[in-house]
Protein backbone atom coordinates (compact mmCIF):
# COMPACT_ATOMS: atom_id res chain seq x y z
CA UNK A 1 0.32 -12.84 1.08
CA UNK A 2 -2.94 -10.59 0.66
CA UNK A 3 -2.74 -7.59 -1.45
CA UNK A 4 -5.17 -4.82 0.28
CA UNK A 5 -5.82 -2.18 -2.29
CA UNK A 6 -8.42 1.16 -1.77
CA UNK A 7 -10.17 2.52 -4.85
CA UNK A 8 -10.80 6.52 -5.64
CA UNK A 9 -11.76 9.84 -7.69
CA UNK A 10 -10.60 7.24 -10.51
CA UNK A 11 -7.56 5.63 -9.11
CA UNK A 12 -5.88 2.77 -6.77
CA UNK A 13 -3.29 1.71 -4.21
CA UNK A 14 -2.50 -1.80 -3.76
CA UNK A 15 0.25 -2.72 -0.41
CA UNK A 16 1.20 -6.30 -0.03
CA UNK A 17 0.71 -8.05 3.84
CA UNK A 18 2.85 -11.17 4.02
CA UNK A 19 1.86 -13.79 6.32
CA UNK A 20 3.27 -16.74 7.70
CA UNK A 21 5.52 -18.26 4.96
CA UNK A 22 5.43 -16.29 3.00
CA UNK A 23 8.89 -14.75 2.15
CA UNK A 24 8.93 -10.48 2.77
CA UNK A 25 11.05 -8.26 1.47
CA UNK A 26 14.79 -7.74 3.43
CA UNK A 27 16.31 -4.37 2.73
CA UNK A 28 17.47 -1.74 5.21
CA UNK A 29 14.74 -0.72 6.89
CA UNK A 30 12.46 -3.99 6.83
CA UNK A 31 11.27 -4.96 10.40
CA UNK A 32 12.64 -8.09 12.21
CA UNK A 33 12.36 -11.70 10.86
CA UNK A 34 10.38 -12.34 14.06
CA UNK A 35 7.18 -10.20 12.64
CA UNK A 36 4.70 -12.95 11.17
CA UNK A 37 2.93 -10.29 9.29
CA UNK A 38 4.32 -7.88 7.40
CA UNK A 39 2.64 -4.63 5.45
CA UNK A 40 4.36 -2.93 2.69
CA UNK A 41 2.88 -0.13 0.52
CA UNK A 42 3.71 3.08 -0.97
CA UNK A 43 3.56 6.29 0.29
CA UNK A 44 3.08 9.76 -1.41
CA UNK A 45 2.24 13.06 -1.43
CA UNK A 46 1.05 16.10 -3.72
CA UNK A 47 3.39 18.71 -5.01
CA UNK A 48 3.28 21.89 -7.50
CA UNK A 49 6.36 20.56 -9.37
CA UNK A 50 8.17 17.15 -10.09
CA UNK A 51 6.77 13.60 -8.98
CA UNK A 52 4.90 11.97 -11.68
CA UNK A 53 1.63 12.94 -13.07
CA UNK A 54 -1.86 11.31 -11.62
CA UNK A 55 -5.53 11.73 -12.41
CA UNK A 56 -7.80 11.87 -9.63
CA UNK A 57 -11.00 12.88 -10.18
CA UNK A 58 -10.48 13.90 -13.15
CA UNK A 59 -7.98 16.48 -12.42
CA UNK A 60 -4.60 16.25 -13.02
CA UNK A 61 -2.34 16.58 -9.93
CA UNK A 62 1.36 15.59 -9.24
CA UNK A 63 2.30 13.21 -6.68
CA UNK A 64 5.76 12.28 -5.28
CA UNK A 65 6.80 9.40 -3.50
CA UNK A 66 8.61 8.30 -0.20
CA UNK A 67 10.30 4.76 0.25
CA UNK A 68 8.19 2.28 1.31
CA UNK A 69 8.19 1.56 5.11
CA UNK A 70 7.49 -1.95 5.73
CA UNK A 71 5.38 -2.28 9.43
CA UNK A 72 5.29 -5.73 11.55
CA UNK A 73 2.57 -7.09 13.07
CA UNK A 74 2.08 -9.68 15.48
CA UNK A 75 -1.51 -10.25 13.91
CA UNK A 76 -3.15 -10.75 11.12
CA UNK A 77 -6.37 -8.22 12.00
CA UNK A 78 -4.33 -5.48 13.45
CA UNK A 79 -2.14 -5.60 10.45
CA UNK A 80 -5.35 -5.60 8.30
CA UNK A 81 -6.27 -2.71 10.35
CA UNK A 82 -3.03 -0.71 9.76
CA UNK A 83 -2.97 -1.53 5.68
CA UNK A 84 -6.54 0.04 5.95
CA UNK A 85 -5.32 3.05 8.11
CA UNK A 86 -2.38 3.54 5.91
CA UNK A 87 -4.15 3.73 2.16
CA UNK A 88 -6.89 6.00 3.69
CA UNK A 89 -3.87 7.86 5.00
CA UNK A 90 -2.71 8.30 1.44
CA UNK A 91 -5.85 9.54 -0.69
CA UNK A 92 -6.06 11.94 2.07
CA UNK A 93 -2.53 13.30 1.54
CA UNK A 94 -4.63 14.06 -1.52
CA UNK A 95 -7.90 15.50 -0.79
CA UNK A 96 -9.61 12.31 -0.93
CA UNK A 97 -11.87 11.90 1.60
CA UNK A 98 -11.37 8.48 3.79
CA UNK A 99 -15.17 7.91 3.52
CA UNK A 100 -14.39 7.78 -0.42
CA UNK A 101 -12.32 5.26 -0.52
CA UNK A 102 -13.21 1.80 -1.56
CA UNK A 103 -10.56 -0.88 0.72
CA UNK A 104 -10.74 -4.20 -0.52
CA UNK A 105 -8.76 -7.71 1.05
CA UNK A 106 -7.74 -9.77 -2.10
CA UNK A 107 -5.61 -13.40 -1.84
CA UNK A 108 -2.47 -13.35 -4.35
CA UNK A 109 -1.83 -15.36 -6.95
CA UNK A 110 1.38 -17.26 -7.39
CA UNK A 111 1.67 -17.50 -11.15
CA UNK A 112 5.21 -19.18 -10.45
CA UNK A 113 8.30 -17.86 -12.22
CA UNK A 114 8.30 -14.99 -14.46
CA UNK A 115 9.95 -14.77 -17.82
CA UNK A 116 9.86 -18.08 -19.15
């Protein structure tokens, strides 16, 4: 499992790329189990009222979230490229230039069961 994080304007967005052997989420709208790589990440946009308040580049904005839309991919590089594009698009929806978004790919750490 990889975490793909984009940072800009003092905030970050992180999505998860499930790889072969990982258990991607299963819910209505999730890609079929034949996809070896599954990308899941929030999508959002700026709104004038409602939503959640977020600070971006020192200004407070309100954002509304859309339901995450998992996407399946046949190979790792295409999945990572799509994840990078998705993250840049989300920041662009808030007025951040894509060249200002720093993206990092991180190996997820499995800490085992929680709540113990």
